[in-house]
Amino acid sequence: MSIGTGTRLGQYEIQDLIGQGAMGLVYRAYHVQLARTGAVKIMQGIAPDEDSIARFRREAQAIAQMRHANILNVFDFGEFEGTPYMIVEYVPGGSLASRIKHSPMDTTTALRYLDGIASGLDYAHSLGIVHRDVKPANVLLEKDGTPIIADFGLVKLLQSASVRSMTGVTTGTPAYMAPEQVTGSQVGPPADRYSLATMAYEMLTGALPFDDEGVLEMLYAHVHRDPPAPSSRRPELGPRVDAVLLRGLAKDPNARWESCEAFVTALRQSLAKTAPAAVERTVVMAPMGMSSPGPMESAPSAWPPAVFAPVTIPMTAVTPATVARPLSYRRQDVAFVAAVVILLLVLGVLAFAAAHPNPTLSLSTSTVTAGDTVVVNAGRVPPNQNGEIQLLSVVHTFPFHADGNGNVSVAIMVPRTIGAGDHTVKICWASACRASVTLHVLEPRLLVTPSPPATPTASPSPSATPSHSPSPTTTPTRSPSPSGTPAPVISVSTYNVKAGSPETVYGLHFSPGSTVTITFVDSKSTTLEGSAGVSSSGYFTKDFRVPSNATPGPAAVKVCGTNGCLYATVSVS
């Protein structure tokens, strides 16, 4: 819903639209009597029924009690035409996301930001409030650089125990989500600490722990893979900083730091120890040949002039043949010969490697769903070589023939019965396998056809779906839904899409009468595709076009409803 300029919400007058998020629109508003500017968040993601509104009021009252220098203040809340809204402090200085420019931040600035964020999070945790979406975009900056954590209210409302849960649904941003958020497990303060450690990693290295990944690969990596050591990306950080950050990114919530403050304190100490050492202590040495005065002596006021007397030293004549070569010279000769031998060995190994290069092996995507196709690419294979691609654990073989340049490209279909988990792809010829990579396989998609509602409604129904669209595929949930409450599911009409092509997303079992927002997410950008209303039967459909600048590779259609978000994976070609 949109609100016109000049509309009054309580004592605040709407001025202009300044943003749009997963929960709805954000407006700038002004309180005339207080001469104060605020930001109005319209909570379209909350169902406009009496129970939901009552929950919203209770939670908003609790959130408004938070008072901390690093947490965004809540000024007011209410309902406009049946839709809840919240008025919060307006911070015009932008967000921390604009300060992180894919290059390392200086440690002093990074620690200053982390100090404030850690203090605010620990304060909220002491009140039993977990943010669940800590990221640079949710950290606003005052003019003096003070970090202000935003959107505690939205996350609290989404994840409150008093709000009905959605099986397999989680809130958060994939790049900063803790493993327990990805798997749908119980989430507490350690999840915020994981996100804070991810932000610290990004500030100090200029890269995310799992960068250059698609959405699915990134979510998988949070649960199953260890991030690269920070010092591998910024060597001057050293092993002490590695240990602090990697503990903050531990998969087990209990293995992480006990508080955000403890994490930042340890990080500051480790950074101090990796700084260049101070100038070494200067030691004054006595001149050679002169001894310092003893404990019972006093130094003379002036040294007497040296007296040199002619001295005759008898010398024995020595012929050149009697001069022996010093031992140190002989050792140098041996070392020189050894160095020459080692150099020749190294050159021989390099020459052999150049004549017999190791093959390269890669996949078009490292994560697929069972039943999908993945392209195996290889290079440096002997020209015109015949061989096979092997997919394990249970061996499946796919023959290949290298071209004249030693390149291989084979599309293989992952069997639907292979089982979820890590599997190995190998390239083999001449009775030996030469290289391997890991393929992450997800459970196969369930094919569903949404049923039309029992009673006609004005909302879109499956019968309105174009007949030429393929059957949609649904995102599997991780656990069974509560008894008698079907789990919300989403599906898309086309799995393999192209930039600019039409696409349709469907949803079943959502809160009747609520509104959902649809976002297209690829490895480099996020595009809001609009919103859709949920019918009285819990069904919705939304037609949109894949962004013309969509990045080829794995992507996802993200649907955010009353209690969280679901992802339907697609592949952009």
Protein backbone atom coordinates (compact mmCIF):
# COMPACT_ATOMS: atom_id res chain seq x y z
CA MET A 1 0.00 0.00 0.00
CA SER A 2 1.15 3.57 -0.63
CA ILE A 3 0.56 6.66 1.52
CA GLY A 4 0.20 10.10 0.00
CA THR A 5 2.36 13.08 0.91
CA GLY A 6 0.81 15.11 3.73
CA THR A 7 -0.98 12.14 5.34
CA ARG A 8 -0.80 12.31 9.14
CA LEU A 9 0.12 9.25 11.17
CA GLY A 10 -0.32 10.26 14.77
CA GLN A 11 1.66 13.49 15.18
CA TYR A 12 3.87 12.77 12.16
CA GLU A 13 3.19 14.06 8.63
CA ILE A 14 4.36 11.95 5.67
CA GLN A 15 6.89 13.77 3.46
CA ASP A 16 8.24 11.33 0.87
CA LEU A 17 9.04 7.69 0.09
CA ILE A 18 12.67 6.86 0.93
CA GLY A 19 12.88 3.07 0.56
CA GLN A 20 11.27 -0.34 0.33
CA GLY A 21 12.18 -3.51 2.20
CA ALA A 22 10.95 -7.05 2.66
CA MET A 23 8.28 -5.92 5.14
CA GLY A 24 6.96 -2.95 3.14
CA LEU A 25 7.53 0.72 2.35
CA VAL A 26 9.57 3.29 4.29
CA TYR A 27 8.63 6.97 4.36
CA ARG A 28 10.23 10.07 5.81
CA ALA A 29 7.89 11.92 8.19
CA TYR A 30 8.05 15.09 10.29
CA HIS A 31 6.75 15.91 13.80
CA VAL A 32 5.87 19.62 13.71
CA GLN A 33 5.63 20.24 17.48
CA LEU A 34 8.94 18.51 18.22
CA ALA A 35 10.61 19.64 14.97
CA ARG A 36 11.83 16.07 14.61
CA THR A 37 12.20 13.88 11.51
CA GLY A 38 11.35 10.19 11.71
CA ALA A 39 11.19 7.18 9.41
CA VAL A 40 7.84 5.38 9.02
CA LYS A 41 7.98 1.64 8.29
CA ILE A 42 4.72 0.24 6.89
CA MET A 43 4.45 -3.40 8.03
CA GLN A 44 2.71 -4.93 5.00
CA GLY A 45 4.18 -8.32 5.88
CA ILE A 46 1.95 -8.57 8.98
CA ALA A 47 -1.51 -10.00 8.40
CA PRO A 48 -4.21 -7.38 9.13
CA ASP A 49 -6.27 -9.58 11.46
CA GLU A 50 -7.05 -8.82 15.10
CA ASP A 51 -4.67 -11.43 16.54
CA SER A 52 -1.74 -10.22 14.42
CA ILE A 53 -2.42 -6.58 15.28
CA ALA A 54 -2.57 -7.43 18.97
CA ARG A 55 0.75 -9.28 18.76
CA PHE A 56 2.24 -6.33 16.89
CA ARG A 57 1.21 -3.94 19.66
CA ARG A 58 2.68 -6.13 22.42
CA GLU A 59 5.97 -6.61 20.60
CA ALA A 60 6.25 -2.95 19.57
CA GLN A 61 5.78 -1.89 23.21
CA ALA A 62 8.60 -4.20 24.29
CA ILE A 63 10.91 -3.00 21.51
CA ALA A 64 10.23 0.65 22.28
CA GLN A 65 11.62 0.11 25.81
CA MET A 66 15.16 -0.42 24.46
CA ARG A 67 17.38 2.60 25.12
CA HIS A 68 20.96 2.37 23.93
CA ALA A 69 23.31 4.72 22.09
CA ASN A 70 23.90 2.13 19.35
CA ILE A 71 20.28 1.01 18.79
CA LEU A 72 17.73 2.85 16.66
CA ASN A 73 15.01 4.46 18.81
CA VAL A 74 11.32 3.66 18.29
CA PHE A 75 9.18 6.83 18.57
CA ASP A 76 5.65 5.59 17.90
CA PHE A 77 3.53 2.83 16.36
CA GLY A 78 -0.06 2.30 15.25
CA GLU A 79 -2.24 1.19 12.33
CA PHE A 80 -3.17 2.98 9.10
CA GLU A 81 -6.22 1.61 7.29
CA GLY A 82 -5.72 -1.69 9.11
CA THR A 83 -1.98 -1.98 8.31
CA PRO A 84 0.49 -1.65 11.22
CA TYR A 85 3.25 0.93 11.05
CA MET A 86 6.21 1.89 13.24
CA ILE A 87 7.93 5.29 13.44
CA VAL A 88 11.63 5.12 14.23
CA GLU A 89 14.58 7.48 14.50
CA TYR A 90 15.73 8.93 11.16
CA VAL A 91 19.50 8.62 10.58
CA PRO A 92 20.55 10.44 7.39
CA GLY A 93 24.20 9.37 7.32
CA GLY A 94 23.73 6.22 5.24
CA SER A 95 24.66 2.69 6.25
CA LEU A 96 27.89 0.83 6.95
CA ALA A 97 27.38 -1.06 3.68
CA SER A 98 28.40 2.07 1.78
CA ARG A 99 31.72 2.20 3.69
CA ILE A 100 32.74 -1.36 2.80
CA LYS A 101 34.12 -1.08 -0.72
CA HIS A 102 35.52 -4.57 -1.39
CA SER A 103 38.88 -3.53 0.07
CA PRO A 104 40.23 -3.90 3.62
CA MET A 105 39.25 -1.21 6.12
CA ASP A 106 41.93 0.24 8.39
CA THR A 107 41.92 -1.56 11.73
CA THR A 108 41.28 1.55 13.85
CA THR A 109 38.08 2.41 11.96
CA ALA A 110 36.93 -1.21 11.88
CA LEU A 111 37.38 -1.61 15.64
CA ARG A 112 35.51 1.66 16.28
CA TYR A 113 32.50 0.41 14.33
CA LEU A 114 32.68 -3.09 15.87
CA ASP A 115 32.84 -1.65 19.42
CA GLY A 116 29.53 0.17 19.00
CA ILE A 117 27.76 -2.71 17.23
CA ALA A 118 28.95 -5.20 19.87
CA SER A 119 27.75 -2.95 22.70
CA GLY A 120 24.28 -2.61 21.18
CA LEU A 121 23.92 -6.33 20.47
CA ASP A 122 25.03 -7.37 23.97
CA TYR A 123 22.49 -4.91 25.44
CA ALA A 124 19.67 -6.38 23.33
CA HIS A 125 20.73 -9.92 24.22
CA SER A 126 20.58 -9.02 27.93
CA LEU A 127 16.88 -8.23 27.35
CA GLY A 128 16.28 -11.51 25.55
CA ILE A 129 16.07 -9.89 22.08
CA VAL A 130 17.95 -11.42 19.13
CA HIS A 131 18.35 -9.36 15.96
CA ARG A 132 18.75 -12.26 13.47
CA ASP A 133 19.72 -10.07 10.51
CA VAL A 134 22.94 -8.31 11.53
CA LYS A 135 24.61 -6.97 8.38
CA PRO A 136 26.24 -3.71 7.18
CA ALA A 137 23.01 -2.51 5.56
CA ASN A 138 21.27 -2.67 8.97
CA VAL A 139 23.95 -0.53 10.65
CA LEU A 140 23.26 3.16 10.12
CA LEU A 141 25.92 5.81 10.75
CA GLU A 142 25.55 9.11 12.56
CA LYS A 143 27.43 12.16 11.25
CA ASP A 144 30.25 11.47 13.73
CA GLY A 145 30.48 7.84 12.59
CA THR A 146 28.62 6.30 15.55
CA PRO A 147 27.06 3.00 14.40
CA ILE A 148 23.30 2.60 15.01
CA ILE A 149 21.76 -0.88 14.69
CA ALA A 150 18.45 -0.74 12.83
CA ASP A 151 15.51 -3.08 12.26
CA PHE A 152 15.48 -4.75 15.66
CA GLY A 153 11.74 -4.18 15.56
CA LEU A 154 11.15 -5.95 12.27
CA VAL A 155 13.17 -9.00 13.19
CA LYS A 156 11.62 -9.24 16.64
CA LEU A 157 8.13 -9.15 15.14
CA LEU A 158 9.02 -11.76 12.52
CA GLN A 159 10.66 -14.17 14.93
CA SER A 160 8.69 -13.64 18.15
CA ALA A 161 7.53 -16.80 19.87
CA SER A 162 4.02 -15.31 19.82
CA VAL A 163 3.99 -15.34 16.03
CA ARG A 164 3.03 -18.56 14.28
CA SER A 165 6.13 -20.25 12.82
CA MET A 166 6.66 -21.42 9.26
CA THR A 167 8.44 -24.73 8.90
CA GLY A 168 11.73 -24.40 7.06
CA VAL A 169 11.46 -20.61 6.90
CA THR A 170 14.17 -18.33 8.17
CA THR A 171 14.94 -14.65 8.12
CA GLY A 172 18.32 -13.15 7.44
CA THR A 173 20.67 -12.26 4.62
CA PRO A 174 22.48 -15.29 3.09
CA ALA A 175 25.99 -13.75 3.22
CA TYR A 176 25.76 -13.15 7.00
CA MET A 177 23.46 -15.96 8.20
CA ALA A 178 24.60 -18.33 10.94
CA PRO A 179 24.50 -22.08 10.20
CA GLU A 180 21.61 -22.60 12.61
CA GLN A 181 19.56 -20.03 10.70
CA VAL A 182 20.20 -21.83 7.41
CA THR A 183 19.12 -25.19 8.82
CA GLY A 184 16.08 -23.78 10.62
CA SER A 185 17.40 -24.74 14.06
CA GLN A 186 16.84 -22.79 17.26
CA VAL A 187 18.38 -19.33 16.98
CA GLY A 188 19.77 -17.30 19.88
CA PRO A 189 22.42 -14.64 20.60
CA PRO A 190 25.26 -16.79 19.08
CA ALA A 191 23.65 -16.25 15.65
CA ASP A 192 24.12 -12.48 15.99
CA ARG A 193 27.73 -13.05 17.11
CA TYR A 194 28.36 -15.17 14.00
CA SER A 195 27.00 -12.35 11.81
CA LEU A 196 29.18 -9.83 13.67
CA ALA A 197 32.26 -12.03 13.06
CA THR A 198 31.31 -12.19 9.37
CA MET A 199 31.18 -8.40 9.24
CA ALA A 200 34.56 -8.15 11.00
CA TYR A 201 36.05 -10.63 8.50
CA GLU A 202 34.71 -8.52 5.63
CA MET A 203 36.00 -5.25 7.13
CA LEU A 204 39.52 -6.56 7.69
CA THR A 205 39.98 -8.59 4.48
CA GLY A 206 37.76 -6.76 2.00
CA ALA A 207 35.90 -10.00 1.21
CA LEU A 208 33.14 -12.14 2.70
CA PRO A 209 34.12 -15.51 4.19
CA PHE A 210 32.26 -17.20 1.33
CA ASP A 211 32.45 -14.81 -1.62
CA ASP A 212 32.06 -15.46 -5.34
CA GLU A 213 29.28 -17.88 -4.46
CA GLY A 214 25.68 -18.19 -5.63
CA VAL A 215 22.91 -18.05 -3.05
CA LEU A 216 22.63 -21.81 -2.68
CA GLU A 217 26.40 -22.35 -2.55
CA MET A 218 26.69 -19.63 0.09
CA LEU A 219 23.97 -21.16 2.29
CA TYR A 220 25.58 -24.59 1.92
CA ALA A 221 29.00 -23.18 2.78
CA HIS A 222 27.78 -21.62 6.04
CA VAL A 223 26.75 -25.08 7.23
CA HIS A 224 29.36 -27.41 5.70
CA ARG A 225 32.53 -25.53 4.73
CA ASP A 226 35.29 -23.74 6.63
CA PRO A 227 36.08 -20.20 5.49
CA PRO A 228 39.58 -19.34 4.24
CA ALA A 229 41.90 -18.02 6.95
CA PRO A 230 41.75 -14.19 6.97
CA SER A 231 45.56 -14.05 6.67
CA SER A 232 45.33 -15.91 3.35
CA ARG A 233 43.62 -12.80 1.98
CA ARG A 234 45.53 -10.21 4.02
CA PRO A 235 48.85 -11.75 5.17
CA GLU A 236 49.70 -9.03 7.71
CA LEU A 237 46.75 -10.11 9.90
CA GLY A 238 48.63 -13.22 11.04
CA PRO A 239 47.57 -16.40 12.88
CA ARG A 240 46.33 -14.64 16.04
CA VAL A 241 43.68 -12.74 14.09
CA ASP A 242 42.84 -15.94 12.21
CA ALA A 243 42.14 -17.73 15.49
CA VAL A 244 39.86 -14.96 16.81
CA LEU A 245 37.78 -14.58 13.63
CA LEU A 246 37.49 -18.32 12.92
CA ARG A 247 36.26 -18.95 16.47
CA GLY A 248 33.61 -16.29 15.83
CA LEU A 249 32.62 -18.24 12.67
CA ALA A 250 32.47 -21.66 14.36
CA LYS A 251 29.66 -23.93 13.12
CA ASP A 252 28.76 -24.90 16.70
CA PRO A 253 27.04 -21.96 18.46
CA ASN A 254 28.53 -23.06 21.80
CA ALA A 255 32.08 -22.83 20.39
CA ARG A 256 31.77 -19.13 19.52
CA TRP A 257 32.71 -16.19 21.75
CA GLU A 258 30.58 -15.83 24.88
CA SER A 259 29.64 -12.23 24.02
CA CYS A 260 30.12 -9.68 21.27
CA GLU A 261 32.28 -7.57 23.59
CA ALA A 262 34.57 -10.54 24.32
CA PHE A 263 34.98 -11.09 20.57
CA VAL A 264 35.91 -7.47 19.81
CA THR A 265 38.28 -7.31 22.81
CA ALA A 266 40.11 -10.45 21.65
CA LEU A 267 40.23 -9.08 18.10
CA ARG A 268 41.76 -5.78 19.28
CA GLN A 269 44.42 -7.64 21.30
CA SER A 270 45.29 -9.92 18.38
CA LEU A 271 45.59 -6.95 16.01
CA ALA A 272 47.88 -5.17 18.48
CA LYS A 273 50.19 -8.20 18.62
CA THR A 274 50.44 -8.36 14.85
CA ALA A 275 51.52 -4.70 14.58
CA PRO A 276 55.23 -3.97 13.82
CA ALA A 277 57.46 -4.37 16.87
CA ALA A 278 58.73 -1.24 18.65
CA VAL A 279 62.27 -0.01 18.14
CA GLU A 280 64.66 -2.42 19.83
CA ARG A 281 66.29 -1.31 23.08
CA THR A 282 69.56 0.52 22.46
CA VAL A 283 72.60 -0.88 24.33
CA VAL A 284 75.70 1.30 24.80
CA MET A 285 78.83 -0.78 24.29
CA ALA A 286 82.30 0.08 25.56
CA PRO A 287 84.95 0.76 22.88
CA MET A 288 86.74 -2.39 21.76
CA GLY A 289 89.93 -2.98 23.67
CA MET A 290 88.80 -0.87 26.64
CA SER A 291 87.24 -2.32 29.72
CA SER A 292 84.63 -0.49 31.72
CA PRO A 293 85.65 0.70 35.17
CA GLY A 294 85.26 -1.95 37.82
CA PRO A 295 82.93 -1.49 40.77
CA MET A 296 85.81 -0.15 42.95
CA GLU A 297 87.39 1.99 40.22
CA SER A 298 86.61 5.43 38.96
CA ALA A 299 86.97 6.32 35.33
CA PRO A 300 89.89 8.61 34.59
CA SER A 301 88.97 12.10 33.52
CA ALA A 302 91.02 11.69 30.34
CA TRP A 303 92.72 8.78 28.70
CA PRO A 304 96.54 9.14 28.51
CA PRO A 305 98.06 9.47 25.05
CA ALA A 306 99.03 6.15 23.53
CA VAL A 307 102.74 5.43 23.39
CA PHE A 308 103.95 3.17 20.60
CA ALA A 309 107.43 1.69 20.84
CA PRO A 310 109.12 -0.02 17.91
CA VAL A 311 108.81 -3.78 18.33
CA THR A 312 110.79 -6.36 16.37
CA ILE A 313 108.92 -9.63 15.76
CA PRO A 314 110.84 -12.56 14.37
CA MET A 315 109.13 -14.15 11.34
CA THR A 316 109.75 -17.53 9.78
CA ALA A 317 109.76 -17.57 6.01
CA VAL A 318 106.98 -19.73 4.61
CA THR A 319 106.88 -20.89 1.02
CA PRO A 320 103.54 -20.84 -0.83
CA ALA A 321 103.43 -24.63 -0.96
CA THR A 322 103.25 -24.84 2.79
CA VAL A 323 100.10 -22.63 3.10
CA ALA A 324 97.04 -24.84 3.90
CA ARG A 325 93.57 -23.87 2.50
CA PRO A 326 91.31 -22.71 5.38
CA LEU A 327 88.51 -25.12 6.48
CA SER A 328 85.84 -22.46 5.92
CA TYR A 329 86.75 -22.25 2.23
CA ARG A 330 86.37 -26.01 1.82
CA ARG A 331 82.90 -25.84 3.40
CA GLN A 332 81.89 -23.13 0.97
CA ASP A 333 82.96 -25.34 -1.93
CA VAL A 334 80.79 -28.21 -0.70
CA ALA A 335 77.80 -25.89 -0.25
CA PHE A 336 78.24 -24.52 -3.77
CA VAL A 337 78.30 -28.00 -5.32
CA ALA A 338 75.17 -28.99 -3.32
CA ALA A 339 73.32 -25.87 -4.49
CA VAL A 340 74.15 -26.66 -8.12
CA VAL A 341 72.85 -30.23 -7.73
CA ILE A 342 69.60 -29.02 -6.12
CA LEU A 343 69.10 -26.42 -8.87
CA LEU A 344 69.53 -29.07 -11.56
CA LEU A 345 66.98 -31.32 -9.83
CA VAL A 346 64.45 -28.48 -9.60
CA LEU A 347 64.91 -27.62 -13.26
CA GLY A 348 64.40 -31.28 -14.16
CA VAL A 349 61.15 -31.46 -12.18
CA LEU A 350 59.87 -28.25 -13.77
CA ALA A 351 60.72 -29.52 -17.24
CA PHE A 352 58.86 -32.78 -16.56
CA ALA A 353 55.84 -30.88 -15.20
CA ALA A 354 55.79 -28.64 -18.26
CA ALA A 355 55.81 -31.67 -20.54
CA HIS A 356 53.13 -33.47 -18.47
CA PRO A 357 50.82 -30.75 -16.97
CA ASN A 358 48.19 -31.77 -14.44
CA PRO A 359 44.66 -31.55 -15.87
CA THR A 360 42.27 -28.89 -14.59
CA LEU A 361 38.73 -29.85 -13.55
CA SER A 362 35.76 -27.61 -12.75
CA LEU A 363 31.96 -27.67 -12.62
CA SER A 364 29.43 -25.20 -13.98
CA THR A 365 28.01 -25.08 -10.44
CA SER A 366 29.23 -26.68 -7.23
CA THR A 367 25.71 -27.26 -5.84
CA VAL A 368 22.87 -28.96 -7.71
CA THR A 369 19.59 -30.66 -6.94
CA ALA A 370 19.35 -34.37 -7.66
CA GLY A 371 17.89 -34.78 -11.15
CA ASP A 372 19.51 -31.60 -12.49
CA THR A 373 22.30 -31.31 -15.05
CA VAL A 374 25.82 -30.05 -14.37
CA VAL A 375 28.53 -29.36 -16.96
CA VAL A 376 31.98 -30.84 -16.24
CA ASN A 377 34.84 -28.85 -17.81
CA ALA A 378 38.47 -30.00 -18.00
CA GLY A 379 41.66 -28.71 -19.56
CA ARG A 380 45.26 -29.89 -20.13
CA VAL A 381 44.03 -33.34 -21.15
CA PRO A 382 46.14 -35.09 -23.84
CA PRO A 383 44.75 -34.06 -27.25
CA ASN A 384 42.07 -36.43 -28.61
CA GLN A 385 42.20 -38.49 -25.41
CA ASN A 386 39.27 -40.82 -24.68
CA GLY A 387 38.23 -41.41 -21.09
CA GLU A 388 35.36 -41.14 -18.65
CA ILE A 389 33.88 -38.83 -16.03
CA GLN A 390 33.09 -40.66 -12.80
CA LEU A 391 30.43 -39.53 -10.29
CA LEU A 392 30.77 -41.17 -6.88
CA SER A 393 29.82 -42.34 -4.09
CA VAL A 394 28.08 -45.13 -6.11
CA VAL A 395 30.01 -44.93 -9.37
CA HIS A 396 28.21 -43.47 -12.39
CA THR A 397 30.35 -43.12 -15.53
CA PHE A 398 30.02 -40.72 -18.48
CA PRO A 399 32.42 -41.09 -21.46
CA PHE A 400 34.31 -38.12 -22.91
CA HIS A 401 36.56 -37.32 -25.87
CA ALA A 402 39.04 -34.44 -25.57
CA ASP A 403 39.36 -32.04 -28.48
CA GLY A 404 42.60 -31.27 -30.28
CA ASN A 405 43.56 -28.70 -27.66
CA GLY A 406 43.05 -31.07 -24.74
CA ASN A 407 39.77 -29.53 -23.56
CA VAL A 408 36.72 -31.47 -22.32
CA SER A 409 33.14 -30.29 -21.72
CA VAL A 410 30.53 -32.89 -20.78
CA ALA A 411 27.00 -32.33 -19.45
CA ILE A 412 25.97 -35.02 -16.97
CA MET A 413 22.61 -35.54 -15.29
CA VAL A 414 22.82 -36.17 -11.56
CA PRO A 415 20.64 -39.22 -10.77
CA ARG A 416 17.59 -38.37 -8.63
CA THR A 417 18.39 -41.42 -6.45
CA ILE A 418 22.02 -40.47 -5.73
CA GLY A 419 21.21 -39.09 -2.28
CA ALA A 420 21.88 -35.68 -0.76
CA GLY A 421 25.36 -34.74 0.44
CA ASP A 422 28.88 -34.39 -0.92
CA HIS A 423 29.80 -36.47 -3.98
CA THR A 424 33.05 -36.68 -5.94
CA VAL A 425 33.46 -36.01 -9.67
CA LYS A 426 36.64 -37.47 -11.23
CA ILE A 427 38.20 -37.39 -14.70
CA CYS A 428 39.95 -40.61 -15.65
CA TRP A 429 41.83 -42.13 -18.60
CA ALA A 430 44.46 -44.82 -19.16
CA SER A 431 43.31 -46.74 -16.07
CA ALA A 432 43.97 -43.79 -13.72
CA CYS A 433 41.95 -40.86 -12.39
CA ARG A 434 43.85 -37.58 -12.76
CA ALA A 435 41.78 -34.92 -10.95
CA SER A 436 38.66 -34.59 -8.79
CA VAL A 437 36.26 -31.97 -7.45
CA THR A 438 33.41 -32.06 -4.92
CA LEU A 439 29.77 -31.70 -5.97
CA HIS A 440 27.16 -30.78 -3.34
CA VAL A 441 23.84 -32.50 -4.10
CA LEU A 442 20.53 -31.39 -2.58
CA GLU A 443 17.36 -33.45 -2.21
CA PRO A 444 15.32 -33.64 -5.45
CA ARG A 445 12.51 -31.14 -5.92
CA LEU A 446 8.96 -32.27 -5.39
CA LEU A 447 6.74 -31.69 -8.41
CA VAL A 448 3.46 -30.12 -7.33
CA THR A 449 0.49 -28.71 -9.16
CA PRO A 450 -1.37 -26.16 -7.03
CA SER A 451 -5.08 -26.99 -6.71
CA PRO A 452 -7.61 -24.22 -7.33
CA PRO A 453 -9.39 -22.85 -4.26
CA ALA A 454 -12.63 -24.53 -3.23
CA THR A 455 -14.60 -21.31 -3.57
CA PRO A 456 -14.11 -18.68 -6.26
CA THR A 457 -12.28 -15.58 -5.15
CA ALA A 458 -11.04 -12.43 -6.80
CA SER A 459 -7.48 -13.50 -6.10
CA PRO A 460 -5.36 -15.16 -8.77
CA SER A 461 -5.86 -18.90 -9.00
CA PRO A 462 -3.97 -21.73 -10.71
CA SER A 463 -6.53 -21.69 -13.52
CA ALA A 464 -5.17 -18.29 -14.54
CA THR A 465 -1.73 -19.80 -15.06
CA PRO A 466 -0.76 -19.81 -18.78
CA SER A 467 -1.12 -23.28 -20.21
CA HIS A 468 2.26 -23.15 -21.91
CA SER A 469 4.16 -22.83 -18.61
CA PRO A 470 5.90 -25.97 -17.37
CA SER A 471 4.89 -27.54 -14.10
CA PRO A 472 6.37 -25.52 -11.26
CA THR A 473 8.95 -27.03 -8.95
CA THR A 474 8.74 -26.50 -5.26
CA THR A 475 11.44 -25.80 -2.70
CA PRO A 476 11.59 -28.75 -0.24
CA THR A 477 11.15 -28.00 3.42
CA ARG A 478 13.63 -29.37 5.96
CA SER A 479 11.22 -30.82 8.45
CA PRO A 480 7.58 -31.86 8.59
CA SER A 481 5.08 -29.18 9.36
CA PRO A 482 3.13 -29.13 12.60
CA SER A 483 0.18 -31.49 12.68
CA GLY A 484 -2.79 -30.02 10.80
CA THR A 485 -0.82 -26.96 9.55
CA PRO A 486 0.54 -27.43 6.01
CA ALA A 487 3.96 -25.86 5.52
CA PRO A 488 4.08 -22.91 3.10
CA VAL A 489 5.69 -23.82 -0.21
CA ILE A 490 6.65 -21.86 -3.29
CA SER A 491 7.36 -22.91 -6.85
CA VAL A 492 8.39 -21.36 -10.15
CA SER A 493 7.13 -22.01 -13.66
CA THR A 494 10.59 -22.23 -15.24
CA TYR A 495 13.80 -23.53 -13.64
CA ASN A 496 16.21 -22.63 -16.47
CA VAL A 497 15.63 -18.95 -17.22
CA LYS A 498 17.27 -16.24 -19.29
CA ALA A 499 17.86 -12.59 -18.48
CA GLY A 500 14.72 -10.65 -19.42
CA SER A 501 12.54 -13.77 -19.81
CA PRO A 502 9.09 -14.09 -18.18
CA GLU A 503 8.77 -16.06 -14.95
CA THR A 504 5.93 -16.92 -12.57
CA VAL A 505 6.15 -17.75 -8.87
CA TYR A 506 3.36 -19.54 -7.01
CA GLY A 507 2.72 -20.01 -3.30
CA LEU A 508 0.52 -22.33 -1.25
CA HIS A 509 -0.46 -22.44 2.44
CA PHE A 510 0.40 -18.80 3.21
CA SER A 511 -1.56 -16.68 5.70
CA PRO A 512 -4.89 -15.81 4.02
CA GLY A 513 -5.32 -12.11 3.37
CA SER A 514 -1.63 -11.28 3.91
CA THR A 515 0.80 -9.76 1.42
CA VAL A 516 4.07 -11.28 0.19
CA THR A 517 7.01 -9.56 -1.50
CA ILE A 518 8.94 -11.18 -4.35
CA THR A 519 12.66 -10.57 -4.91
CA PHE A 520 15.04 -11.97 -7.53
CA VAL A 521 18.48 -12.73 -6.08
CA ASP A 522 21.62 -13.61 -8.03
CA SER A 523 25.31 -13.66 -7.09
CA LYS A 524 25.77 -9.92 -7.64
CA SER A 525 22.44 -8.14 -7.21
CA THR A 526 19.00 -8.23 -5.60
CA THR A 527 15.96 -6.92 -7.51
CA LEU A 528 12.54 -6.31 -5.95
CA GLU A 529 9.87 -7.70 -8.30
CA GLY A 530 6.83 -6.40 -6.42
CA SER A 531 4.23 -7.88 -4.09
CA ALA A 532 1.19 -10.14 -4.30
CA GLY A 533 -1.88 -10.65 -2.18
CA VAL A 534 -2.65 -14.05 -0.67
CA SER A 535 -6.16 -15.35 -1.32
CA SER A 536 -8.51 -16.65 1.35
CA SER A 537 -7.34 -20.16 0.47
CA GLY A 538 -3.68 -19.28 1.16
CA TYR A 539 -2.68 -19.19 -2.52
CA PHE A 540 -0.91 -16.51 -4.56
CA THR A 541 0.73 -16.13 -7.96
CA LYS A 542 2.99 -13.41 -9.35
CA ASP A 543 4.20 -12.86 -12.93
CA PHE A 544 7.44 -10.93 -13.47
CA ARG A 545 10.45 -10.74 -15.74
CA VAL A 546 13.93 -11.93 -14.85
CA PRO A 547 16.14 -8.80 -14.59
CA SER A 548 17.87 -7.98 -17.87
CA ASN A 549 21.18 -7.66 -16.00
CA ALA A 550 20.83 -10.98 -14.14
CA THR A 551 24.19 -12.71 -13.64
CA PRO A 552 24.44 -16.14 -15.33
CA GLY A 553 24.60 -19.05 -12.90
CA PRO A 554 22.64 -20.13 -9.81
CA ALA A 555 20.01 -17.66 -8.59
CA ALA A 556 16.84 -17.68 -6.52
CA VAL A 557 13.35 -16.25 -6.34
CA LYS A 558 12.82 -15.06 -2.76
CA VAL A 559 9.30 -14.78 -1.31
CA CYS A 560 8.86 -13.06 2.06
CA GLY A 561 5.58 -13.49 3.90
CA THR A 562 4.19 -12.90 7.35
CA ASN A 563 6.77 -14.91 9.26
CA GLY A 564 9.80 -15.19 7.02
CA CYS A 565 11.20 -15.95 3.59
CA LEU A 566 11.40 -18.95 1.22
CA TYR A 567 13.74 -19.45 -1.74
CA ALA A 568 13.04 -21.20 -5.07
CA THR A 569 16.27 -21.91 -6.93
CA VAL A 570 16.67 -21.20 -10.64
CA SER A 571 19.54 -21.17 -13.11
CA VAL A 572 20.22 -18.14 -15.32
CA SER A 573 21.75 -18.89 -18.72
